[in-house]
Structures are given as C-alpha cells and as structure tokens.
Amino acid sequence: VVAADGAEGGPRGEPPDVHDLDEALRMRPLPIDFGWGIEEVILRQEAVRACVEACYWDRVEPTLGELQRRLAASGWSAEHAQVAPLLCARTPETFAIAPPTDSEFCRVLLKTPPTWFKGWDDAAADVDPRAELAWPARRFYARI
C-alpha cells in the first residue's frame, strides 16, 4: 500500500500485511469474458484447493507460480490460471495469500494446514529442474 505522501505501509505506516492483499484481490472482479457462473467458480475454487493440497502433500511451498504451473498442467488455460489468486481471495475461510517479501514469492496457503503435513521440504526448493534431464545422459555415458 502506498499512501498519498509516497510512504509504503498500512494506514498508520504499518507494513503491508496479508489482509491488505486479500482484500485488494477480493475487490477485483473476475473477468466477465470467462462466462463463469457460480457453479463454475465453485468448481474452480475446489480445483485450486486440490492443487494447493497437492503442494502440501509434496511438501513444496505453494507459490503463485507453482500453483499456476500445476493448474496449467491439469488443463487450465494460462488466462484461467492467472485468476487463481482472485478465486482464493473469495474464500478467505480456506485460503491465506501471503504477499511476496524480499526473500519469498507470493504464496497461496491453506488457513488450516492438513493434520498430516510435516512442513516444507527445503531440499525440494534447492533442486534445479534441469538436473533431472541430465540423468539419462549420465546413465548413457556411464555404460560407455
């Protein structure tokens, strides 16, 4: 939030928080050209929840980029995946949208983590996705 005097923060100079971002996203309308009725919105919110829960299961932080990648992999168009934060903001009892910081990306979290959740796997964040492409080549050259 930027005040009229250019200062960042909440109304009294506090740092911006989750509630400001949630409220700002909740106030934005869904694109009307999608033609989604209430039933479609509810189905899409359930699909987003399933993707976020899958991140918890995989112990991969559900950053906005990760969530959009998973939604696209499940058949969502890029345009539809872009509105995931708007869908999440409309169900504040389910989701909390953590704003980005200097060291973290924007994350879509569950208000109540699953009981089986054991925390994020820090090693998963450090893995270079290109590394798995190198394994077939290594196996091939190891046989030579």
N, C-alpha and C. Protein backbone atom coordinates (compact mmCIF):
# COMPACT_ATOMS: atom_id res chain seq x y z
N VAL A 1 0.86 -1.17 0.00
CA VAL A 1 0.00 0.00 0.00
C VAL A 1 0.90 1.22 0.00
N VAL A 2 0.65 2.15 -0.88
CA VAL A 2 1.41 3.39 -0.93
C VAL A 2 0.46 4.54 -0.62
N ALA A 3 0.78 5.29 0.41
CA ALA A 3 -0.05 6.42 0.82
C ALA A 3 0.15 7.58 -0.14
N ALA A 4 -0.71 8.59 0.01
CA ALA A 4 -0.64 9.77 -0.86
C ALA A 4 0.71 10.47 -0.75
N ASP A 5 1.35 10.38 0.44
CA ASP A 5 2.65 11.02 0.61
C ASP A 5 3.80 10.16 0.11
N GLY A 6 3.48 8.98 -0.47
CA GLY A 6 4.51 8.12 -1.03
C GLY A 6 5.05 7.09 -0.06
N ALA A 7 4.63 7.16 1.21
CA ALA A 7 5.11 6.19 2.20
C ALA A 7 4.41 4.86 2.01
N GLU A 8 5.18 3.79 2.12
CA GLU A 8 4.60 2.46 2.00
C GLU A 8 4.12 1.99 3.35
N GLY A 9 3.12 1.11 3.32
CA GLY A 9 2.63 0.52 4.56
C GLY A 9 1.14 0.65 4.67
N GLY A 10 0.64 0.28 5.83
CA GLY A 10 -0.79 0.33 6.10
C GLY A 10 -1.21 1.76 6.38
N PRO A 11 -2.45 1.94 6.83
CA PRO A 11 -2.98 3.28 7.02
C PRO A 11 -2.20 4.11 8.04
N ARG A 12 -1.54 3.49 9.01
CA ARG A 12 -0.78 4.22 10.01
C ARG A 12 0.72 3.96 9.88
N GLY A 13 1.16 3.58 8.69
CA GLY A 13 2.58 3.35 8.46
C GLY A 13 3.04 1.94 8.78
N GLU A 14 2.09 1.04 9.20
CA GLU A 14 2.48 -0.34 9.46
C GLU A 14 2.87 -1.00 8.14
N PRO A 15 3.65 -2.08 8.22
CA PRO A 15 3.99 -2.79 6.98
C PRO A 15 2.73 -3.39 6.36
N PRO A 16 2.69 -3.53 5.02
CA PRO A 16 1.53 -4.15 4.39
C PRO A 16 1.41 -5.59 4.89
N ASP A 17 0.19 -6.06 5.04
CA ASP A 17 0.03 -7.42 5.52
C ASP A 17 -0.90 -8.23 4.62
N VAL A 18 -1.11 -9.46 5.05
CA VAL A 18 -1.92 -10.40 4.28
C VAL A 18 -3.32 -9.87 4.08
N HIS A 19 -3.87 -9.23 5.08
CA HIS A 19 -5.26 -8.77 4.99
C HIS A 19 -5.42 -7.73 3.89
N ASP A 20 -4.42 -6.85 3.72
CA ASP A 20 -4.48 -5.85 2.67
C ASP A 20 -4.52 -6.53 1.29
N LEU A 21 -3.65 -7.52 1.08
CA LEU A 21 -3.60 -8.20 -0.20
C LEU A 21 -4.88 -8.99 -0.45
N ASP A 22 -5.34 -9.74 0.57
CA ASP A 22 -6.58 -10.49 0.43
C ASP A 22 -7.73 -9.57 0.05
N GLU A 23 -7.84 -8.46 0.74
CA GLU A 23 -8.94 -7.52 0.49
C GLU A 23 -8.83 -6.93 -0.92
N ALA A 24 -7.63 -6.55 -1.32
CA ALA A 24 -7.44 -5.98 -2.66
C ALA A 24 -7.83 -6.99 -3.74
N LEU A 25 -7.46 -8.25 -3.56
CA LEU A 25 -7.80 -9.29 -4.54
C LEU A 25 -9.29 -9.61 -4.52
N ARG A 26 -9.88 -9.59 -3.34
CA ARG A 26 -11.30 -9.89 -3.21
C ARG A 26 -12.15 -8.83 -3.92
N MET A 27 -11.66 -7.60 -3.93
CA MET A 27 -12.40 -6.49 -4.55
C MET A 27 -12.31 -6.51 -6.08
N ARG A 28 -11.32 -7.20 -6.64
CA ARG A 28 -11.18 -7.26 -8.10
C ARG A 28 -12.21 -8.21 -8.68
N PRO A 29 -12.91 -7.82 -9.71
CA PRO A 29 -13.90 -8.72 -10.31
C PRO A 29 -13.22 -9.81 -11.14
N LEU A 30 -13.89 -10.94 -11.23
CA LEU A 30 -13.42 -12.00 -12.15
C LEU A 30 -13.67 -11.52 -13.57
N PRO A 31 -12.83 -11.90 -14.51
CA PRO A 31 -13.05 -11.49 -15.90
C PRO A 31 -14.41 -11.98 -16.41
N ILE A 32 -15.22 -11.06 -16.92
CA ILE A 32 -16.56 -11.45 -17.36
C ILE A 32 -16.53 -12.26 -18.65
N ASP A 33 -15.44 -12.11 -19.41
CA ASP A 33 -15.38 -12.85 -20.68
C ASP A 33 -15.16 -14.34 -20.46
N PHE A 34 -14.87 -14.77 -19.23
CA PHE A 34 -14.76 -16.20 -18.95
C PHE A 34 -16.14 -16.83 -18.93
N GLY A 35 -17.16 -16.04 -18.62
CA GLY A 35 -18.53 -16.56 -18.61
C GLY A 35 -18.80 -17.57 -17.51
N TRP A 36 -18.10 -17.46 -16.40
CA TRP A 36 -18.27 -18.41 -15.30
C TRP A 36 -19.48 -18.05 -14.47
N GLY A 37 -20.36 -19.03 -14.28
CA GLY A 37 -21.44 -18.88 -13.32
C GLY A 37 -20.93 -19.29 -11.94
N ILE A 38 -21.79 -19.19 -10.95
CA ILE A 38 -21.38 -19.50 -9.58
C ILE A 38 -20.93 -20.96 -9.45
N GLU A 39 -21.59 -21.87 -10.17
CA GLU A 39 -21.19 -23.29 -10.10
C GLU A 39 -19.78 -23.49 -10.63
N GLU A 40 -19.46 -22.83 -11.74
CA GLU A 40 -18.12 -22.94 -12.33
C GLU A 40 -17.07 -22.34 -11.39
N VAL A 41 -17.40 -21.23 -10.76
CA VAL A 41 -16.45 -20.61 -9.82
C VAL A 41 -16.18 -21.56 -8.66
N ILE A 42 -17.22 -22.18 -8.12
CA ILE A 42 -17.05 -23.12 -7.01
C ILE A 42 -16.21 -24.32 -7.43
N LEU A 43 -16.46 -24.85 -8.62
CA LEU A 43 -15.66 -25.98 -9.12
C LEU A 43 -14.20 -25.58 -9.28
N ARG A 44 -13.96 -24.39 -9.77
CA ARG A 44 -12.58 -23.92 -9.95
C ARG A 44 -11.90 -23.67 -8.61
N GLN A 45 -12.63 -23.16 -7.63
CA GLN A 45 -12.06 -22.98 -6.30
C GLN A 45 -11.69 -24.33 -5.69
N GLU A 46 -12.52 -25.34 -5.92
CA GLU A 46 -12.20 -26.68 -5.42
C GLU A 46 -10.97 -27.25 -6.12
N ALA A 47 -10.82 -26.97 -7.42
CA ALA A 47 -9.64 -27.42 -8.15
C ALA A 47 -8.38 -26.73 -7.63
N VAL A 48 -8.48 -25.45 -7.33
CA VAL A 48 -7.34 -24.71 -6.77
C VAL A 48 -6.97 -25.30 -5.41
N ARG A 49 -7.98 -25.58 -4.60
CA ARG A 49 -7.72 -26.16 -3.28
C ARG A 49 -6.99 -27.51 -3.43
N ALA A 50 -7.43 -28.32 -4.40
CA ALA A 50 -6.78 -29.61 -4.63
C ALA A 50 -5.32 -29.42 -5.03
N CYS A 51 -5.03 -28.42 -5.85
CA CYS A 51 -3.65 -28.14 -6.25
C CYS A 51 -2.81 -27.68 -5.06
N VAL A 52 -3.38 -26.83 -4.23
CA VAL A 52 -2.66 -26.36 -3.06
C VAL A 52 -2.40 -27.52 -2.10
N GLU A 53 -3.41 -28.37 -1.90
CA GLU A 53 -3.22 -29.54 -1.04
C GLU A 53 -2.15 -30.48 -1.61
N ALA A 54 -2.09 -30.59 -2.93
CA ALA A 54 -1.05 -31.43 -3.56
C ALA A 54 0.33 -30.85 -3.25
N CYS A 55 0.46 -29.53 -3.22
CA CYS A 55 1.73 -28.91 -2.84
C CYS A 55 2.08 -29.28 -1.40
N TYR A 56 1.09 -29.25 -0.52
CA TYR A 56 1.34 -29.65 0.88
C TYR A 56 1.78 -31.11 0.92
N TRP A 57 1.12 -31.95 0.15
CA TRP A 57 1.48 -33.37 0.12
C TRP A 57 2.92 -33.55 -0.37
N ASP A 58 3.27 -32.80 -1.42
CA ASP A 58 4.62 -32.88 -1.99
C ASP A 58 5.64 -32.11 -1.16
N ARG A 59 5.17 -31.35 -0.18
CA ARG A 59 6.00 -30.54 0.69
C ARG A 59 6.74 -29.45 -0.08
N VAL A 60 6.09 -28.95 -1.14
CA VAL A 60 6.61 -27.87 -1.97
C VAL A 60 5.77 -26.64 -1.68
N GLU A 61 6.40 -25.54 -1.30
CA GLU A 61 5.63 -24.35 -0.98
C GLU A 61 4.76 -23.94 -2.16
N PRO A 62 3.48 -23.68 -1.90
CA PRO A 62 2.57 -23.31 -2.97
C PRO A 62 2.71 -21.84 -3.37
N THR A 63 3.82 -21.54 -4.03
CA THR A 63 3.99 -20.18 -4.55
C THR A 63 2.96 -19.98 -5.65
N LEU A 64 2.71 -18.74 -5.98
CA LEU A 64 1.75 -18.45 -7.03
C LEU A 64 2.19 -19.09 -8.35
N GLY A 65 3.47 -19.03 -8.65
CA GLY A 65 3.99 -19.64 -9.87
C GLY A 65 3.81 -21.15 -9.89
N GLU A 66 4.09 -21.80 -8.76
CA GLU A 66 3.92 -23.25 -8.66
C GLU A 66 2.46 -23.64 -8.84
N LEU A 67 1.58 -22.89 -8.20
CA LEU A 67 0.15 -23.16 -8.32
C LEU A 67 -0.32 -23.00 -9.76
N GLN A 68 0.09 -21.93 -10.41
CA GLN A 68 -0.32 -21.70 -11.80
C GLN A 68 0.26 -22.77 -12.73
N ARG A 69 1.49 -23.22 -12.46
CA ARG A 69 2.08 -24.27 -13.27
C ARG A 69 1.28 -25.56 -13.13
N ARG A 70 0.91 -25.90 -11.91
CA ARG A 70 0.13 -27.13 -11.68
C ARG A 70 -1.27 -27.04 -12.29
N LEU A 71 -1.88 -25.88 -12.20
CA LEU A 71 -3.21 -25.71 -12.81
C LEU A 71 -3.12 -25.86 -14.32
N ALA A 72 -2.09 -25.25 -14.92
CA ALA A 72 -1.90 -25.38 -16.37
C ALA A 72 -1.67 -26.84 -16.77
N ALA A 73 -0.90 -27.57 -15.95
CA ALA A 73 -0.64 -28.98 -16.22
C ALA A 73 -1.91 -29.82 -16.11
N SER A 74 -2.89 -29.34 -15.35
CA SER A 74 -4.14 -30.08 -15.21
C SER A 74 -5.18 -29.65 -16.24
N GLY A 75 -4.78 -28.80 -17.20
CA GLY A 75 -5.68 -28.45 -18.29
C GLY A 75 -6.22 -27.03 -18.27
N TRP A 76 -5.87 -26.25 -17.28
CA TRP A 76 -6.33 -24.86 -17.25
C TRP A 76 -5.56 -24.05 -18.28
N SER A 77 -6.22 -23.11 -18.90
CA SER A 77 -5.51 -22.20 -19.81
C SER A 77 -4.66 -21.25 -18.95
N ALA A 78 -3.69 -20.63 -19.57
CA ALA A 78 -2.83 -19.68 -18.85
C ALA A 78 -3.67 -18.53 -18.29
N GLU A 79 -4.67 -18.09 -19.06
CA GLU A 79 -5.52 -16.99 -18.61
C GLU A 79 -6.34 -17.39 -17.39
N HIS A 80 -6.85 -18.61 -17.39
CA HIS A 80 -7.64 -19.08 -16.25
C HIS A 80 -6.75 -19.26 -15.02
N ALA A 81 -5.54 -19.78 -15.22
CA ALA A 81 -4.61 -19.98 -14.10
C ALA A 81 -4.22 -18.64 -13.47
N GLN A 82 -4.21 -17.58 -14.27
CA GLN A 82 -3.85 -16.25 -13.76
C GLN A 82 -4.84 -15.74 -12.72
N VAL A 83 -6.09 -16.20 -12.75
CA VAL A 83 -7.09 -15.69 -11.82
C VAL A 83 -7.16 -16.53 -10.54
N ALA A 84 -6.28 -17.49 -10.37
CA ALA A 84 -6.28 -18.33 -9.16
C ALA A 84 -6.25 -17.48 -7.88
N PRO A 85 -5.43 -16.42 -7.80
CA PRO A 85 -5.45 -15.63 -6.57
C PRO A 85 -6.80 -14.97 -6.31
N LEU A 86 -7.49 -14.57 -7.37
CA LEU A 86 -8.82 -13.96 -7.19
C LEU A 86 -9.81 -14.99 -6.65
N LEU A 87 -9.70 -16.22 -7.14
CA LEU A 87 -10.58 -17.28 -6.64
C LEU A 87 -10.28 -17.58 -5.18
N CYS A 88 -9.01 -17.61 -4.82
CA CYS A 88 -8.61 -17.89 -3.44
C CYS A 88 -9.07 -16.77 -2.49
N ALA A 89 -8.94 -15.55 -2.92
CA ALA A 89 -9.33 -14.41 -2.07
C ALA A 89 -10.82 -14.42 -1.77
N ARG A 90 -11.61 -15.05 -2.61
CA ARG A 90 -13.06 -15.11 -2.39
C ARG A 90 -13.46 -16.19 -1.39
N THR A 91 -12.51 -16.99 -0.95
CA THR A 91 -12.78 -17.99 0.09
C THR A 91 -11.75 -17.83 1.22
N PRO A 92 -11.84 -16.71 1.95
CA PRO A 92 -10.85 -16.44 2.99
C PRO A 92 -10.88 -17.45 4.15
N GLU A 93 -11.97 -18.18 4.27
CA GLU A 93 -12.03 -19.21 5.31
C GLU A 93 -11.16 -20.41 4.94
N THR A 94 -10.78 -20.53 3.67
CA THR A 94 -9.97 -21.64 3.20
C THR A 94 -8.52 -21.24 2.94
N PHE A 95 -8.33 -20.10 2.28
CA PHE A 95 -7.01 -19.69 1.82
C PHE A 95 -6.50 -18.44 2.51
N ALA A 96 -5.19 -18.35 2.62
CA ALA A 96 -4.49 -17.13 3.02
C ALA A 96 -3.45 -16.86 1.95
N ILE A 97 -3.45 -15.67 1.41
CA ILE A 97 -2.48 -15.32 0.37
C ILE A 97 -1.39 -14.49 1.04
N ALA A 98 -0.20 -15.08 1.10
CA ALA A 98 0.94 -14.40 1.73
C ALA A 98 1.63 -13.55 0.68
N PRO A 99 1.72 -12.25 0.91
CA PRO A 99 2.34 -11.37 -0.08
C PRO A 99 3.83 -11.67 -0.23
N PRO A 100 4.39 -11.29 -1.36
CA PRO A 100 5.84 -11.51 -1.55
C PRO A 100 6.63 -10.62 -0.60
N THR A 101 7.81 -11.11 -0.27
CA THR A 101 8.74 -10.33 0.54
C THR A 101 10.05 -10.26 -0.23
N ASP A 102 11.06 -9.69 0.38
CA ASP A 102 12.37 -9.62 -0.28
C ASP A 102 12.95 -11.00 -0.52
N SER A 103 12.56 -11.98 0.32
CA SER A 103 13.16 -13.31 0.21
C SER A 103 12.18 -14.40 -0.21
N GLU A 104 10.89 -14.09 -0.36
CA GLU A 104 9.91 -15.12 -0.70
C GLU A 104 8.96 -14.62 -1.77
N PHE A 105 8.49 -15.56 -2.59
CA PHE A 105 7.48 -15.27 -3.59
C PHE A 105 6.11 -15.23 -2.92
N CYS A 106 5.13 -14.71 -3.61
CA CYS A 106 3.75 -14.75 -3.14
C CYS A 106 3.34 -16.21 -3.01
N ARG A 107 2.68 -16.55 -1.89
CA ARG A 107 2.27 -17.94 -1.64
C ARG A 107 0.78 -18.01 -1.35
N VAL A 108 0.16 -19.11 -1.79
CA VAL A 108 -1.24 -19.37 -1.52
C VAL A 108 -1.27 -20.51 -0.51
N LEU A 109 -1.61 -20.19 0.73
CA LEU A 109 -1.57 -21.16 1.81
C LEU A 109 -2.98 -21.55 2.24
N LEU A 110 -3.09 -22.71 2.85
CA LEU A 110 -4.35 -23.11 3.46
C LEU A 110 -4.44 -22.47 4.84
N LYS A 111 -5.59 -21.94 5.20
CA LYS A 111 -5.76 -21.36 6.54
C LYS A 111 -5.48 -22.40 7.61
N THR A 112 -5.93 -23.64 7.35
CA THR A 112 -5.69 -24.74 8.28
C THR A 112 -4.92 -25.82 7.54
N PRO A 113 -3.61 -25.95 7.80
CA PRO A 113 -2.84 -26.99 7.10
C PRO A 113 -3.38 -28.38 7.44
N PRO A 114 -3.25 -29.33 6.53
CA PRO A 114 -3.70 -30.70 6.82
C PRO A 114 -2.97 -31.26 8.05
N THR A 115 -3.66 -32.11 8.79
CA THR A 115 -3.07 -32.68 10.02
C THR A 115 -1.83 -33.50 9.72
N TRP A 116 -1.74 -34.08 8.54
CA TRP A 116 -0.61 -34.93 8.17
C TRP A 116 0.60 -34.13 7.67
N PHE A 117 0.45 -32.82 7.51
CA PHE A 117 1.51 -32.00 6.93
C PHE A 117 2.69 -31.90 7.90
N LYS A 118 3.91 -32.16 7.38
CA LYS A 118 5.11 -32.18 8.21
C LYS A 118 6.06 -31.02 7.93
N GLY A 119 5.60 -30.02 7.22
CA GLY A 119 6.45 -28.87 6.92
C GLY A 119 6.99 -28.92 5.50
N TRP A 120 7.51 -27.78 5.05
CA TRP A 120 8.04 -27.68 3.70
C TRP A 120 9.38 -28.37 3.62
N ASP A 121 9.65 -28.99 2.49
CA ASP A 121 10.92 -29.67 2.25
C ASP A 121 11.86 -28.66 1.62
N ASP A 122 12.81 -28.17 2.39
CA ASP A 122 13.75 -27.16 1.90
C ASP A 122 14.57 -27.69 0.74
N ALA A 123 14.85 -28.99 0.73
CA ALA A 123 15.66 -29.57 -0.35
C ALA A 123 14.92 -29.49 -1.68
N ALA A 124 13.60 -29.58 -1.67
CA ALA A 124 12.83 -29.52 -2.92
C ALA A 124 12.99 -28.17 -3.58
N ALA A 125 13.13 -27.11 -2.80
CA ALA A 125 13.28 -25.78 -3.37
C ALA A 125 14.66 -25.58 -3.98
N ASP A 126 15.64 -26.35 -3.52
CA ASP A 126 17.01 -26.19 -4.00
C ASP A 126 17.32 -27.01 -5.24
N VAL A 127 16.40 -27.85 -5.68
CA VAL A 127 16.63 -28.73 -6.82
C VAL A 127 16.48 -27.95 -8.12
N ASP A 128 17.45 -28.05 -8.96
CA ASP A 128 17.39 -27.43 -10.28
C ASP A 128 16.55 -28.33 -11.17
N PRO A 129 15.41 -27.85 -11.71
CA PRO A 129 14.55 -28.73 -12.52
C PRO A 129 15.26 -29.28 -13.75
N ARG A 130 16.33 -28.64 -14.18
CA ARG A 130 17.07 -29.16 -15.34
C ARG A 130 17.94 -30.35 -14.97
N ALA A 131 18.20 -30.54 -13.67
CA ALA A 131 19.08 -31.62 -13.23
C ALA A 131 18.52 -32.99 -13.60
N GLU A 132 17.18 -33.15 -13.51
CA GLU A 132 16.61 -34.46 -13.84
C GLU A 132 16.76 -34.79 -15.33
N LEU A 133 16.94 -33.78 -16.16
CA LEU A 133 17.16 -34.03 -17.58
C LEU A 133 18.55 -34.60 -17.83
N ALA A 134 19.46 -34.34 -16.91
CA ALA A 134 20.84 -34.79 -17.09
C ALA A 134 21.01 -36.27 -16.75
N TRP A 135 20.12 -36.86 -15.94
CA TRP A 135 20.30 -38.24 -15.51
C TRP A 135 20.32 -39.25 -16.66
N PRO A 136 19.42 -39.17 -17.64
CA PRO A 136 19.52 -40.14 -18.74
C PRO A 136 20.86 -40.07 -19.47
N ALA A 137 21.37 -38.87 -19.64
CA ALA A 137 22.67 -38.74 -20.31
C ALA A 137 23.78 -39.32 -19.46
N ARG A 138 23.72 -39.12 -18.16
CA ARG A 138 24.74 -39.70 -17.28
C ARG A 138 24.72 -41.20 -17.32
N ARG A 139 23.52 -41.79 -17.31
CA ARG A 139 23.42 -43.26 -17.38
C ARG A 139 23.96 -43.78 -18.70
N PHE A 140 23.66 -43.04 -19.78
CA PHE A 140 24.14 -43.45 -21.10
C PHE A 140 25.67 -43.44 -21.13
N TYR A 141 26.27 -42.35 -20.65
CA TYR A 141 27.73 -42.24 -20.70
C TYR A 141 28.40 -43.17 -19.69
N ALA A 142 27.73 -43.52 -18.63
CA ALA A 142 28.30 -44.44 -17.65
C ALA A 142 28.45 -45.86 -18.24
N ARG A 143 27.61 -46.19 -19.22
CA ARG A 143 27.68 -47.52 -19.83
C ARG A 143 28.78 -47.60 -20.88
N ILE A 144 29.27 -46.48 -21.34
CA ILE A 144 30.28 -46.48 -22.42
C ILE A 144 31.65 -46.76 -21.86
